[in-house]
Amino acid sequence: MLFTGLLTACQSHTMYHSFHTLPKDGWNKSDTLVYTIPVENIQPKTYELQIEIRHTKELAHRSLWVVVYQNAQDSMLFIADTLQCVLANEKGRFTGTGLNNYYQQSFPLKTVKLSKEYTPVFKLAHYMKKGRIEGIHDIGIRIIEKQ
């Protein structure tokens, strides 16, 4: 995790980057993760949104479906996007970078236009048939200045 933190610090184009650590007993379908973007960090421009997943080798799924709700265009209106995060290949091997028992992978979602007129909020929930997903350690978002 220290190595990941050092890499993040070296990327000056990252406007926002935050993780939520999930409970050890799993991520419940009813657990929505909320990321509130500090207005003082925002420059009015277009950004790329990425979802980041850290998981253990105990994850029993090849992919994870995530619903991302965001109010990037209006402070009261949330728009939902669904993203399939493929975490393992056809043979079941995890495709993210890993160290010991942990793997991390980033998934680009879309570009968003942010302004200082309101506080942007992003909400994430899993969209899997099973109510509780075990093996996911952290879920994060990264917002990068579009180059």
N, C-alpha and C. Protein backbone atom coordinates (compact mmCIF):
# COMPACT_ATOMS: atom_id res chain seq x y z
N MET A 1 0.82 -1.19 0.00
CA MET A 1 0.00 0.00 0.00
C MET A 1 0.87 1.26 0.00
N LEU A 2 2.02 1.18 0.65
CA LEU A 2 2.93 2.32 0.65
C LEU A 2 3.40 2.60 -0.77
N PHE A 3 3.70 1.56 -1.53
CA PHE A 3 4.13 1.73 -2.92
C PHE A 3 3.05 2.41 -3.75
N THR A 4 1.80 2.02 -3.55
CA THR A 4 0.68 2.64 -4.27
C THR A 4 0.57 4.11 -3.91
N GLY A 5 0.75 4.42 -2.64
CA GLY A 5 0.71 5.81 -2.20
C GLY A 5 1.81 6.65 -2.81
N LEU A 6 3.00 6.08 -2.94
CA LEU A 6 4.10 6.81 -3.57
C LEU A 6 3.84 7.06 -5.04
N LEU A 7 3.26 6.07 -5.74
CA LEU A 7 2.92 6.27 -7.14
C LEU A 7 1.88 7.37 -7.30
N THR A 8 0.91 7.40 -6.41
CA THR A 8 -0.15 8.41 -6.47
C THR A 8 0.43 9.80 -6.28
N ALA A 9 1.37 9.93 -5.35
CA ALA A 9 1.97 11.23 -5.07
C ALA A 9 2.75 11.77 -6.26
N CYS A 10 3.25 10.90 -7.10
CA CYS A 10 4.04 11.31 -8.26
C CYS A 10 3.18 11.74 -9.43
N GLN A 11 1.89 11.48 -9.40
CA GLN A 11 1.02 11.82 -10.52
C GLN A 11 0.35 13.16 -10.25
N SER A 12 0.94 14.23 -10.78
CA SER A 12 0.45 15.58 -10.49
C SER A 12 -0.89 15.87 -11.16
N HIS A 13 -1.29 15.09 -12.16
CA HIS A 13 -2.55 15.35 -12.84
C HIS A 13 -3.76 14.72 -12.14
N THR A 14 -3.56 14.05 -11.03
CA THR A 14 -4.65 13.50 -10.26
C THR A 14 -5.26 14.60 -9.40
N MET A 15 -6.53 14.92 -9.65
CA MET A 15 -7.22 15.96 -8.90
C MET A 15 -7.79 15.41 -7.59
N TYR A 16 -8.26 14.16 -7.62
CA TYR A 16 -8.86 13.55 -6.43
C TYR A 16 -8.61 12.05 -6.49
N HIS A 17 -8.31 11.46 -5.32
CA HIS A 17 -8.08 10.02 -5.25
C HIS A 17 -8.40 9.58 -3.83
N SER A 18 -9.37 8.68 -3.68
CA SER A 18 -9.76 8.24 -2.36
C SER A 18 -10.30 6.82 -2.40
N PHE A 19 -10.02 6.06 -1.33
CA PHE A 19 -10.51 4.70 -1.18
C PHE A 19 -11.40 4.61 0.05
N HIS A 20 -12.36 3.69 0.00
CA HIS A 20 -13.13 3.28 1.17
C HIS A 20 -12.77 1.82 1.44
N THR A 21 -12.37 1.51 2.66
CA THR A 21 -12.10 0.14 3.05
C THR A 21 -13.42 -0.52 3.42
N LEU A 22 -13.63 -1.70 2.89
CA LEU A 22 -14.89 -2.42 3.12
C LEU A 22 -14.78 -3.30 4.36
N PRO A 23 -15.92 -3.65 4.96
CA PRO A 23 -15.90 -4.54 6.13
C PRO A 23 -15.31 -5.90 5.77
N LYS A 24 -14.71 -6.56 6.74
CA LYS A 24 -14.08 -7.87 6.51
C LYS A 24 -15.09 -8.93 6.10
N ASP A 25 -16.35 -8.78 6.52
CA ASP A 25 -17.35 -9.80 6.18
C ASP A 25 -17.95 -9.59 4.80
N GLY A 26 -17.52 -8.56 4.06
CA GLY A 26 -17.94 -8.39 2.68
C GLY A 26 -18.67 -7.09 2.41
N TRP A 27 -18.90 -6.86 1.12
CA TRP A 27 -19.57 -5.66 0.64
C TRP A 27 -21.03 -6.02 0.39
N ASN A 28 -21.92 -5.50 1.21
CA ASN A 28 -23.35 -5.76 1.07
C ASN A 28 -23.92 -4.95 -0.08
N LYS A 29 -24.92 -5.51 -0.73
CA LYS A 29 -25.58 -4.83 -1.84
C LYS A 29 -26.18 -3.50 -1.40
N SER A 30 -26.57 -3.39 -0.15
CA SER A 30 -27.19 -2.16 0.36
C SER A 30 -26.15 -1.12 0.82
N ASP A 31 -24.87 -1.47 0.83
CA ASP A 31 -23.82 -0.54 1.27
C ASP A 31 -23.37 0.33 0.09
N THR A 32 -23.74 1.60 0.13
CA THR A 32 -23.34 2.55 -0.90
C THR A 32 -22.18 3.37 -0.38
N LEU A 33 -21.11 3.43 -1.16
CA LEU A 33 -19.92 4.20 -0.80
C LEU A 33 -20.05 5.59 -1.39
N VAL A 34 -19.80 6.62 -0.59
CA VAL A 34 -19.99 8.00 -1.01
C VAL A 34 -18.65 8.73 -1.02
N TYR A 35 -18.37 9.40 -2.13
CA TYR A 35 -17.15 10.20 -2.31
C TYR A 35 -17.58 11.63 -2.62
N THR A 36 -17.30 12.55 -1.71
CA THR A 36 -17.64 13.95 -1.88
C THR A 36 -16.36 14.70 -2.27
N ILE A 37 -16.38 15.34 -3.42
CA ILE A 37 -15.19 16.00 -3.96
C ILE A 37 -15.10 17.42 -3.38
N PRO A 38 -13.98 17.77 -2.74
CA PRO A 38 -13.83 19.13 -2.21
C PRO A 38 -13.84 20.15 -3.35
N VAL A 39 -14.70 21.15 -3.24
CA VAL A 39 -14.85 22.16 -4.28
C VAL A 39 -13.55 22.92 -4.51
N GLU A 40 -12.77 23.12 -3.45
CA GLU A 40 -11.53 23.89 -3.59
C GLU A 40 -10.50 23.19 -4.49
N ASN A 41 -10.64 21.89 -4.71
CA ASN A 41 -9.72 21.15 -5.59
C ASN A 41 -10.08 21.27 -7.07
N ILE A 42 -11.27 21.74 -7.36
CA ILE A 42 -11.79 21.70 -8.72
C ILE A 42 -11.38 22.93 -9.52
N GLN A 43 -10.90 22.67 -10.71
CA GLN A 43 -10.73 23.68 -11.75
C GLN A 43 -11.79 23.37 -12.79
N PRO A 44 -12.55 24.38 -13.24
CA PRO A 44 -13.61 24.09 -14.22
C PRO A 44 -13.04 23.53 -15.52
N LYS A 45 -13.15 22.23 -15.70
CA LYS A 45 -12.64 21.55 -16.90
C LYS A 45 -13.18 20.14 -16.94
N THR A 46 -12.72 19.38 -17.92
CA THR A 46 -13.15 18.00 -18.09
C THR A 46 -12.13 17.07 -17.44
N TYR A 47 -12.64 16.07 -16.74
CA TYR A 47 -11.81 15.10 -16.02
C TYR A 47 -12.18 13.69 -16.45
N GLU A 48 -11.24 12.77 -16.27
CA GLU A 48 -11.49 11.35 -16.48
C GLU A 48 -11.77 10.72 -15.12
N LEU A 49 -12.81 9.89 -15.05
CA LEU A 49 -13.17 9.20 -13.83
C LEU A 49 -12.76 7.74 -13.94
N GLN A 50 -12.07 7.26 -12.90
CA GLN A 50 -11.66 5.85 -12.85
C GLN A 50 -12.16 5.24 -11.54
N ILE A 51 -12.56 3.99 -11.62
CA ILE A 51 -12.92 3.21 -10.44
C ILE A 51 -11.74 2.29 -10.16
N GLU A 52 -11.34 2.20 -8.89
CA GLU A 52 -10.21 1.35 -8.52
C GLU A 52 -10.67 0.32 -7.50
N ILE A 53 -10.20 -0.91 -7.70
CA ILE A 53 -10.60 -2.02 -6.85
C ILE A 53 -9.35 -2.71 -6.31
N ARG A 54 -9.33 -2.90 -5.00
CA ARG A 54 -8.31 -3.72 -4.35
C ARG A 54 -9.03 -4.94 -3.78
N HIS A 55 -8.51 -6.11 -4.10
CA HIS A 55 -9.16 -7.34 -3.63
C HIS A 55 -8.11 -8.36 -3.25
N THR A 56 -8.56 -9.39 -2.56
CA THR A 56 -7.68 -10.48 -2.16
C THR A 56 -7.89 -11.66 -3.10
N LYS A 57 -7.04 -12.65 -2.97
CA LYS A 57 -7.18 -13.84 -3.82
C LYS A 57 -8.39 -14.68 -3.42
N GLU A 58 -9.04 -14.34 -2.31
CA GLU A 58 -10.25 -15.04 -1.89
C GLU A 58 -11.48 -14.61 -2.67
N LEU A 59 -11.36 -13.60 -3.52
CA LEU A 59 -12.50 -13.15 -4.33
C LEU A 59 -12.94 -14.30 -5.24
N ALA A 60 -14.22 -14.64 -5.19
CA ALA A 60 -14.73 -15.80 -5.93
C ALA A 60 -15.37 -15.42 -7.26
N HIS A 61 -15.15 -14.21 -7.74
CA HIS A 61 -15.77 -13.75 -8.98
C HIS A 61 -14.70 -13.30 -9.96
N ARG A 62 -14.94 -13.53 -11.25
CA ARG A 62 -14.03 -13.05 -12.29
C ARG A 62 -14.24 -11.58 -12.57
N SER A 63 -15.46 -11.10 -12.37
CA SER A 63 -15.75 -9.69 -12.61
C SER A 63 -16.70 -9.18 -11.54
N LEU A 64 -16.73 -7.87 -11.43
CA LEU A 64 -17.57 -7.19 -10.46
C LEU A 64 -18.34 -6.10 -11.20
N TRP A 65 -19.65 -6.12 -11.05
CA TRP A 65 -20.49 -5.06 -11.64
C TRP A 65 -20.68 -3.98 -10.60
N VAL A 66 -20.39 -2.74 -10.99
CA VAL A 66 -20.49 -1.59 -10.09
C VAL A 66 -21.40 -0.55 -10.72
N VAL A 67 -22.30 0.01 -9.90
CA VAL A 67 -23.13 1.13 -10.34
C VAL A 67 -22.52 2.39 -9.74
N VAL A 68 -22.30 3.38 -10.60
CA VAL A 68 -21.73 4.66 -10.18
C VAL A 68 -22.80 5.73 -10.39
N TYR A 69 -23.19 6.37 -9.31
CA TYR A 69 -24.14 7.49 -9.37
C TYR A 69 -23.32 8.77 -9.24
N GLN A 70 -23.58 9.74 -10.10
CA GLN A 70 -22.82 10.99 -10.02
C GLN A 70 -23.70 12.17 -10.38
N ASN A 71 -23.40 13.29 -9.75
CA ASN A 71 -24.16 14.51 -10.00
C ASN A 71 -23.26 15.57 -10.65
N ALA A 72 -22.45 15.17 -11.58
CA ALA A 72 -21.47 16.07 -12.18
C ALA A 72 -22.10 17.20 -12.98
N GLN A 73 -23.33 17.08 -13.41
CA GLN A 73 -23.95 18.13 -14.20
C GLN A 73 -24.95 18.98 -13.41
N ASP A 74 -25.45 18.46 -12.29
CA ASP A 74 -26.46 19.16 -11.52
C ASP A 74 -26.35 18.67 -10.08
N SER A 75 -26.46 19.57 -9.13
CA SER A 75 -26.25 19.18 -7.74
C SER A 75 -27.37 18.29 -7.17
N MET A 76 -28.53 18.29 -7.78
CA MET A 76 -29.65 17.50 -7.25
C MET A 76 -29.96 16.25 -8.10
N LEU A 77 -29.48 16.19 -9.30
CA LEU A 77 -29.79 15.10 -10.21
C LEU A 77 -28.61 14.12 -10.29
N PHE A 78 -28.85 12.87 -9.92
CA PHE A 78 -27.81 11.84 -10.00
C PHE A 78 -28.06 10.97 -11.23
N ILE A 79 -27.00 10.74 -11.99
CA ILE A 79 -27.04 9.89 -13.17
C ILE A 79 -26.29 8.60 -12.85
N ALA A 80 -26.85 7.47 -13.26
CA ALA A 80 -26.25 6.17 -12.97
C ALA A 80 -25.55 5.61 -14.20
N ASP A 81 -24.37 5.07 -13.98
CA ASP A 81 -23.61 4.33 -14.99
C ASP A 81 -23.27 2.98 -14.40
N THR A 82 -23.32 1.94 -15.21
CA THR A 82 -22.96 0.60 -14.76
C THR A 82 -21.66 0.20 -15.44
N LEU A 83 -20.75 -0.33 -14.65
CA LEU A 83 -19.42 -0.70 -15.15
C LEU A 83 -19.11 -2.14 -14.77
N GLN A 84 -18.70 -2.92 -15.77
CA GLN A 84 -18.23 -4.28 -15.49
C GLN A 84 -16.72 -4.21 -15.31
N CYS A 85 -16.26 -4.58 -14.13
CA CYS A 85 -14.83 -4.59 -13.82
C CYS A 85 -14.34 -6.02 -13.89
N VAL A 86 -13.64 -6.37 -14.98
CA VAL A 86 -13.14 -7.73 -15.17
C VAL A 86 -11.83 -7.85 -14.39
N LEU A 87 -11.82 -8.71 -13.39
CA LEU A 87 -10.70 -8.84 -12.47
C LEU A 87 -9.83 -10.06 -12.73
N ALA A 88 -10.34 -11.02 -13.51
CA ALA A 88 -9.59 -12.25 -13.78
C ALA A 88 -9.83 -12.68 -15.22
N ASN A 89 -8.85 -13.40 -15.78
CA ASN A 89 -8.99 -13.89 -17.14
C ASN A 89 -9.83 -15.17 -17.16
N GLU A 90 -9.95 -15.79 -18.34
CA GLU A 90 -10.78 -16.98 -18.49
C GLU A 90 -10.31 -18.15 -17.63
N LYS A 91 -9.03 -18.18 -17.31
CA LYS A 91 -8.47 -19.26 -16.49
C LYS A 91 -8.57 -18.96 -14.99
N GLY A 92 -9.12 -17.81 -14.63
CA GLY A 92 -9.29 -17.47 -13.23
C GLY A 92 -8.11 -16.72 -12.62
N ARG A 93 -7.13 -16.37 -13.44
CA ARG A 93 -5.96 -15.62 -12.94
C ARG A 93 -6.30 -14.14 -12.86
N PHE A 94 -6.02 -13.53 -11.70
CA PHE A 94 -6.29 -12.11 -11.53
C PHE A 94 -5.37 -11.30 -12.42
N THR A 95 -5.92 -10.27 -13.05
CA THR A 95 -5.19 -9.50 -14.06
C THR A 95 -4.60 -8.20 -13.52
N GLY A 96 -4.94 -7.81 -12.31
CA GLY A 96 -4.40 -6.58 -11.74
C GLY A 96 -2.99 -6.77 -11.22
N THR A 97 -2.39 -5.67 -10.80
CA THR A 97 -1.07 -5.77 -10.18
C THR A 97 -1.26 -6.29 -8.76
N GLY A 98 -0.34 -7.11 -8.32
CA GLY A 98 -0.51 -7.72 -7.02
C GLY A 98 0.77 -7.79 -6.20
N LEU A 99 0.55 -7.82 -4.89
CA LEU A 99 1.64 -7.99 -3.95
C LEU A 99 1.08 -8.83 -2.81
N ASN A 100 1.73 -9.97 -2.56
CA ASN A 100 1.24 -10.92 -1.56
C ASN A 100 -0.17 -11.35 -1.90
N ASN A 101 -1.12 -11.08 -1.03
CA ASN A 101 -2.49 -11.54 -1.19
C ASN A 101 -3.39 -10.48 -1.83
N TYR A 102 -2.86 -9.30 -2.15
CA TYR A 102 -3.69 -8.19 -2.62
C TYR A 102 -3.43 -7.88 -4.10
N TYR A 103 -4.51 -7.53 -4.80
CA TYR A 103 -4.45 -7.13 -6.20
C TYR A 103 -5.16 -5.79 -6.34
N GLN A 104 -4.68 -4.97 -7.27
CA GLN A 104 -5.31 -3.69 -7.53
C GLN A 104 -5.44 -3.49 -9.02
N GLN A 105 -6.58 -2.89 -9.40
CA GLN A 105 -6.82 -2.64 -10.82
C GLN A 105 -7.69 -1.40 -10.96
N SER A 106 -7.41 -0.61 -12.01
CA SER A 106 -8.18 0.59 -12.31
C SER A 106 -9.03 0.36 -13.54
N PHE A 107 -10.23 0.98 -13.55
CA PHE A 107 -11.17 0.84 -14.66
C PHE A 107 -11.68 2.21 -15.05
N PRO A 108 -11.39 2.65 -16.27
CA PRO A 108 -11.90 3.96 -16.70
C PRO A 108 -13.42 3.89 -16.87
N LEU A 109 -14.09 4.94 -16.43
CA LEU A 109 -15.55 4.96 -16.54
C LEU A 109 -16.00 5.93 -17.62
N LYS A 110 -15.69 7.21 -17.46
CA LYS A 110 -16.15 8.21 -18.40
C LYS A 110 -15.43 9.52 -18.12
N THR A 111 -15.71 10.50 -18.94
CA THR A 111 -15.22 11.85 -18.66
C THR A 111 -16.37 12.64 -18.06
N VAL A 112 -16.02 13.53 -17.14
CA VAL A 112 -17.02 14.36 -16.47
C VAL A 112 -16.53 15.81 -16.49
N LYS A 113 -17.47 16.70 -16.64
CA LYS A 113 -17.15 18.13 -16.59
C LYS A 113 -17.55 18.63 -15.21
N LEU A 114 -16.58 19.15 -14.47
CA LEU A 114 -16.83 19.63 -13.12
C LEU A 114 -16.67 21.14 -13.05
N SER A 115 -17.41 21.75 -12.14
CA SER A 115 -17.28 23.18 -11.91
C SER A 115 -17.39 23.43 -10.41
N LYS A 116 -17.10 24.64 -10.00
CA LYS A 116 -17.15 25.01 -8.58
C LYS A 116 -18.54 25.46 -8.15
N GLU A 117 -19.53 25.33 -8.98
CA GLU A 117 -20.88 25.81 -8.69
C GLU A 117 -21.58 24.97 -7.61
N TYR A 118 -21.15 23.75 -7.39
CA TYR A 118 -21.74 22.85 -6.40
C TYR A 118 -20.71 21.79 -6.05
N THR A 119 -21.00 21.02 -5.04
CA THR A 119 -20.09 19.97 -4.58
C THR A 119 -20.42 18.66 -5.30
N PRO A 120 -19.52 18.17 -6.16
CA PRO A 120 -19.77 16.90 -6.84
C PRO A 120 -19.72 15.73 -5.86
N VAL A 121 -20.64 14.79 -6.04
CA VAL A 121 -20.72 13.60 -5.20
C VAL A 121 -20.80 12.39 -6.12
N PHE A 122 -20.02 11.36 -5.80
CA PHE A 122 -20.07 10.09 -6.51
C PHE A 122 -20.44 9.01 -5.52
N LYS A 123 -21.36 8.13 -5.90
CA LYS A 123 -21.81 7.04 -5.04
C LYS A 123 -21.60 5.73 -5.79
N LEU A 124 -21.04 4.74 -5.11
CA LEU A 124 -20.78 3.44 -5.72
C LEU A 124 -21.49 2.34 -4.93
N ALA A 125 -22.07 1.40 -5.67
CA ALA A 125 -22.69 0.21 -5.08
C ALA A 125 -22.43 -0.95 -6.03
N HIS A 126 -22.37 -2.16 -5.48
CA HIS A 126 -22.19 -3.29 -6.39
C HIS A 126 -23.54 -3.73 -6.93
N TYR A 127 -23.49 -4.32 -8.12
CA TYR A 127 -24.70 -4.73 -8.83
C TYR A 127 -24.58 -6.21 -9.18
N MET A 128 -24.32 -7.01 -8.16
CA MET A 128 -24.16 -8.45 -8.34
C MET A 128 -25.42 -9.15 -7.81
N LYS A 129 -25.67 -10.37 -8.31
CA LYS A 129 -26.83 -11.13 -7.85
C LYS A 129 -26.70 -11.48 -6.37
N LYS A 130 -25.50 -11.84 -5.97
CA LYS A 130 -25.25 -12.20 -4.58
C LYS A 130 -25.31 -10.93 -3.73
N GLY A 131 -25.98 -10.99 -2.59
CA GLY A 131 -26.15 -9.82 -1.74
C GLY A 131 -24.88 -9.33 -1.07
N ARG A 132 -23.96 -10.24 -0.76
CA ARG A 132 -22.71 -9.87 -0.09
C ARG A 132 -21.53 -10.44 -0.90
N ILE A 133 -20.61 -9.55 -1.25
CA ILE A 133 -19.42 -9.96 -2.01
C ILE A 133 -18.22 -9.97 -1.07
N GLU A 134 -17.58 -11.11 -0.94
CA GLU A 134 -16.40 -11.23 -0.08
C GLU A 134 -15.14 -11.20 -0.93
N GLY A 135 -14.07 -10.69 -0.36
CA GLY A 135 -12.78 -10.65 -1.04
C GLY A 135 -12.42 -9.28 -1.60
N ILE A 136 -13.36 -8.33 -1.58
CA ILE A 136 -13.05 -6.96 -1.99
C ILE A 136 -12.56 -6.23 -0.74
N HIS A 137 -11.38 -5.64 -0.81
CA HIS A 137 -10.80 -4.95 0.35
C HIS A 137 -11.11 -3.45 0.33
N ASP A 138 -10.88 -2.80 -0.81
CA ASP A 138 -11.09 -1.35 -0.92
C ASP A 138 -11.71 -1.04 -2.28
N ILE A 139 -12.52 0.01 -2.32
CA ILE A 139 -13.04 0.56 -3.56
C ILE A 139 -12.72 2.04 -3.56
N GLY A 140 -12.19 2.51 -4.67
CA GLY A 140 -11.82 3.92 -4.74
C GLY A 140 -12.21 4.55 -6.06
N ILE A 141 -12.09 5.88 -6.06
CA ILE A 141 -12.23 6.61 -7.32
C ILE A 141 -11.02 7.52 -7.47
N ARG A 142 -10.69 7.73 -8.71
CA ARG A 142 -9.61 8.65 -9.08
C ARG A 142 -10.17 9.57 -10.14
N ILE A 143 -9.95 10.86 -9.96
CA ILE A 143 -10.38 11.86 -10.94
C ILE A 143 -9.11 12.53 -11.46
N ILE A 144 -8.92 12.42 -12.78
CA ILE A 144 -7.67 12.88 -13.41
C ILE A 144 -8.00 13.98 -14.41
N GLU A 145 -7.16 15.01 -14.42
CA GLU A 145 -7.32 16.06 -15.43
C GLU A 145 -7.15 15.44 -16.81
N LYS A 146 -8.11 15.70 -17.68
CA LYS A 146 -8.04 15.15 -19.04
C LYS A 146 -6.94 15.87 -19.81
N GLN A 147 -6.05 15.09 -20.38
CA GLN A 147 -4.90 15.65 -21.11
C GLN A 147 -5.24 15.93 -22.54
